[in-house]
N, C-alpha and C. Protein backbone atom coordinates (compact mmCIF):
# COMPACT_ATOMS: atom_id res chain seq x y z
N MET A 1 139.88 98.86 -3.09
CA MET A 1 140.95 98.38 -3.75
C MET A 1 140.44 97.70 -5.09
N LYS A 2 141.13 97.71 -6.08
CA LYS A 2 140.60 97.30 -7.52
C LYS A 2 141.84 97.30 -8.36
N LYS A 3 141.85 96.38 -9.48
CA LYS A 3 142.94 96.54 -10.33
C LYS A 3 142.78 97.70 -11.30
N ALA A 4 143.85 98.31 -11.66
CA ALA A 4 143.91 99.48 -12.56
C ALA A 4 143.20 99.14 -13.91
N GLU A 5 142.71 99.96 -14.34
CA GLU A 5 141.79 99.72 -15.80
C GLU A 5 142.91 99.39 -16.86
N HIS A 6 144.05 100.03 -16.98
CA HIS A 6 144.82 99.91 -18.15
C HIS A 6 146.37 99.35 -17.76
N SER A 7 146.75 98.70 -16.52
CA SER A 7 148.02 98.19 -16.33
C SER A 7 147.91 97.34 -15.36
N ASP A 8 148.89 96.89 -14.84
CA ASP A 8 149.09 95.80 -13.76
C ASP A 8 149.06 96.43 -12.48
N SER A 9 148.73 97.52 -12.16
CA SER A 9 148.63 98.19 -10.84
C SER A 9 147.32 97.85 -10.00
N LEU A 10 147.64 98.52 -8.90
CA LEU A 10 146.38 98.20 -8.03
C LEU A 10 146.06 99.66 -7.72
N ILE A 11 144.59 99.93 -7.46
CA ILE A 11 144.11 101.29 -7.14
C ILE A 11 143.58 101.20 -5.75
N PHE A 12 143.80 102.06 -4.96
CA PHE A 12 143.34 102.27 -3.45
C PHE A 12 142.50 103.51 -3.38
N HIS A 13 141.37 103.33 -2.97
CA HIS A 13 140.67 104.70 -2.80
C HIS A 13 140.36 104.85 -1.25
N ALA A 14 140.43 106.12 -0.62
CA ALA A 14 140.15 106.34 0.73
C ALA A 14 139.49 107.51 0.80
N TYR A 15 138.69 107.79 1.74
CA TYR A 15 137.84 108.88 1.92
C TYR A 15 138.01 109.36 3.50
N GLU A 16 138.29 110.73 3.48
CA GLU A 16 138.43 111.43 5.00
C GLU A 16 137.04 111.79 5.11
N TRP A 17 136.38 111.39 6.27
CA TRP A 17 135.12 111.61 6.55
C TRP A 17 135.09 112.36 7.74
N ALA A 18 136.07 112.77 8.50
CA ALA A 18 136.09 113.21 9.92
C ALA A 18 136.18 114.80 9.93
N GLY A 19 136.44 115.22 8.64
CA GLY A 19 136.93 116.70 8.42
C GLY A 19 138.21 117.19 8.87
N LYS A 20 138.92 116.41 9.06
CA LYS A 20 140.55 116.75 9.52
C LYS A 20 141.65 116.34 8.64
N SER A 21 142.50 117.15 8.28
CA SER A 21 143.80 116.76 7.57
C SER A 21 144.47 115.53 8.43
N SER A 22 145.04 114.67 7.73
CA SER A 22 145.75 113.69 8.39
C SER A 22 146.77 112.83 7.48
N ASN A 23 147.44 111.88 7.97
CA ASN A 23 148.15 110.95 7.05
C ASN A 23 147.57 109.55 7.20
N VAL A 24 147.48 109.06 5.89
CA VAL A 24 147.12 107.59 5.62
C VAL A 24 148.12 106.69 5.51
N THR A 25 148.31 105.58 6.37
CA THR A 25 149.33 104.65 5.93
C THR A 25 148.72 103.41 5.16
N PHE A 26 149.18 103.03 3.96
CA PHE A 26 148.61 101.91 3.40
C PHE A 26 149.76 100.82 3.44
N THR A 27 149.20 99.48 3.77
CA THR A 27 150.10 98.45 3.58
C THR A 27 149.77 97.81 2.32
N VAL A 28 150.58 97.65 1.43
CA VAL A 28 150.31 97.25 0.00
C VAL A 28 151.08 95.85 -0.05
N PRO A 29 150.66 94.96 -1.13
CA PRO A 29 151.07 93.64 -1.29
C PRO A 29 152.49 93.75 -1.75
N LYS A 30 153.27 92.71 -1.56
CA LYS A 30 154.80 92.66 -1.70
C LYS A 30 154.97 92.78 -3.20
N GLY A 31 156.12 93.22 -3.86
CA GLY A 31 156.67 93.56 -5.07
C GLY A 31 156.23 94.83 -5.73
N ALA A 32 155.75 95.70 -4.78
CA ALA A 32 155.39 97.18 -5.40
C ALA A 32 156.69 97.88 -6.06
N THR A 33 156.51 98.43 -7.16
CA THR A 33 157.87 98.93 -7.77
C THR A 33 157.60 100.58 -7.65
N GLY A 34 156.39 100.92 -7.54
CA GLY A 34 156.26 102.51 -7.47
C GLY A 34 154.76 102.95 -7.14
N ALA A 35 154.57 104.05 -6.41
CA ALA A 35 153.38 104.44 -6.42
C ALA A 35 153.13 105.92 -6.60
N ILE A 36 151.86 106.60 -6.78
CA ILE A 36 151.54 107.90 -7.18
C ILE A 36 150.17 108.00 -6.78
N VAL A 37 149.96 109.34 -6.28
CA VAL A 37 148.41 109.78 -6.20
C VAL A 37 148.06 109.88 -7.62
N THR A 38 146.62 109.60 -7.67
CA THR A 38 145.96 109.87 -9.00
C THR A 38 144.76 110.54 -8.87
N ASN A 39 144.09 110.93 -10.03
CA ASN A 39 142.80 111.44 -9.82
C ASN A 39 141.82 110.23 -9.93
N LEU A 40 140.51 110.51 -9.89
CA LEU A 40 139.50 109.56 -10.09
C LEU A 40 139.43 108.88 -11.47
N LEU A 41 140.16 109.32 -12.39
CA LEU A 41 140.48 108.73 -13.78
C LEU A 41 141.82 107.77 -13.74
N GLU A 42 142.47 107.91 -12.66
CA GLU A 42 143.65 107.08 -12.68
C GLU A 42 144.64 107.67 -13.25
N GLN A 43 144.57 109.10 -13.75
CA GLN A 43 145.65 109.79 -14.02
C GLN A 43 146.63 110.50 -13.03
N PRO A 44 148.01 110.16 -13.03
CA PRO A 44 148.76 110.75 -12.05
C PRO A 44 148.67 112.22 -11.85
N GLN A 45 148.86 112.45 -10.49
CA GLN A 45 149.03 113.85 -9.97
C GLN A 45 149.93 113.86 -9.01
N GLY A 46 151.11 114.76 -9.36
CA GLY A 46 152.27 114.96 -8.47
C GLY A 46 153.31 114.10 -8.60
N SER A 47 154.18 113.86 -7.58
CA SER A 47 155.36 113.17 -7.57
C SER A 47 155.30 111.68 -7.26
N PRO A 48 156.08 110.87 -7.82
CA PRO A 48 156.23 109.51 -7.16
C PRO A 48 156.27 109.35 -5.61
N LEU A 49 155.60 108.52 -4.85
CA LEU A 49 155.71 108.25 -3.50
C LEU A 49 156.71 107.30 -3.24
N THR A 50 157.33 107.31 -2.01
CA THR A 50 158.29 106.43 -1.31
C THR A 50 157.30 105.11 -0.97
N ILE A 51 157.92 103.92 -1.09
CA ILE A 51 157.46 102.86 -0.69
C ILE A 51 158.52 102.53 0.50
N THR A 52 158.28 102.04 1.82
CA THR A 52 159.10 101.52 2.67
C THR A 52 158.68 100.40 3.08
N GLY A 53 159.43 99.30 2.79
CA GLY A 53 159.01 97.87 2.99
C GLY A 53 157.84 97.77 2.19
N GLU A 54 156.71 97.52 2.83
CA GLU A 54 155.37 97.44 2.09
C GLU A 54 154.36 98.42 2.67
N GLN A 55 154.92 99.47 3.03
CA GLN A 55 153.91 100.53 3.34
C GLN A 55 154.37 101.85 2.66
N LEU A 56 153.37 102.84 2.64
CA LEU A 56 153.47 104.06 2.07
C LEU A 56 152.63 104.87 2.92
N THR A 57 153.01 106.23 3.19
CA THR A 57 152.03 107.19 3.95
C THR A 57 151.90 108.36 2.93
N VAL A 58 150.50 108.65 3.05
CA VAL A 58 150.06 109.77 2.02
C VAL A 58 149.30 110.95 2.84
N PRO A 59 149.51 112.11 2.71
CA PRO A 59 148.60 112.98 3.41
C PRO A 59 147.34 113.01 2.71
N ILE A 60 146.25 113.17 3.61
CA ILE A 60 144.94 113.39 2.98
C ILE A 60 144.23 114.55 3.63
N HIS A 61 143.24 115.38 3.03
CA HIS A 61 142.76 116.51 3.42
C HIS A 61 141.11 116.35 3.87
N PRO A 62 140.74 117.29 4.70
CA PRO A 62 139.32 116.94 4.87
C PRO A 62 138.24 116.86 3.81
N PHE A 63 137.57 115.81 4.02
CA PHE A 63 136.56 115.29 3.03
C PHE A 63 137.19 114.91 1.52
N GLU A 64 138.22 114.64 1.40
CA GLU A 64 139.00 114.17 0.27
C GLU A 64 138.57 112.81 0.02
N ILE A 65 138.50 112.47 -1.19
CA ILE A 65 138.48 111.12 -1.93
C ILE A 65 139.95 111.08 -2.61
N LEU A 66 140.77 110.26 -1.84
CA LEU A 66 142.22 109.96 -2.06
C LEU A 66 142.17 108.81 -3.05
N THR A 67 142.95 108.84 -4.05
CA THR A 67 143.08 107.69 -5.03
C THR A 67 144.54 107.52 -5.20
N LEU A 68 145.06 106.33 -4.88
CA LEU A 68 146.49 105.90 -5.07
C LEU A 68 146.86 104.61 -6.02
N ARG A 69 147.80 105.09 -6.82
CA ARG A 69 148.09 103.69 -7.91
C ARG A 69 149.27 103.25 -7.24
N VAL A 70 149.27 101.73 -7.00
CA VAL A 70 150.68 101.28 -6.57
C VAL A 70 151.06 100.16 -7.99
N ASP A 71 152.25 100.37 -8.42
CA ASP A 71 152.66 99.79 -9.75
C ASP A 71 153.35 98.42 -9.29
N TYR A 72 153.11 97.40 -10.07
CA TYR A 72 153.92 96.27 -10.07
C TYR A 72 154.47 95.82 -11.33
N ALA A 73 155.73 95.15 -11.33
CA ALA A 73 156.03 94.70 -12.64
C ALA A 73 155.51 93.53 -13.13
N ARG A 74 154.93 93.72 -14.44
CA ARG A 74 154.45 92.59 -15.07
C ARG A 74 155.26 91.21 -15.16
N ASP A 75 154.44 90.38 -14.85
CA ASP A 75 155.01 88.91 -14.92
C ASP A 75 155.76 88.56 -16.20
N ALA A 76 156.82 87.84 -16.00
CA ALA A 76 157.41 87.50 -17.32
C ALA A 76 156.97 86.04 -17.52
N LYS A 77 156.37 85.68 -18.65
CA LYS A 77 155.93 84.39 -19.08
C LYS A 77 156.47 83.82 -20.22
């Protein structure tokens, strides 16, 4: 997990090492406004994901490096 390069989002990386398709459930910090799968350059790939409570589930394929961007509203100061 790390902060996104060009936004107030968080980036999560996961690697499927067992050679099996599966679903990955992420528990994210409170306040998430959206999420999307990205490529390794943090560019969106596909449709926005649904966050239920503080969790979201994403399919992962054999030996895939999955990158997920979770968006947060910028703090008003």
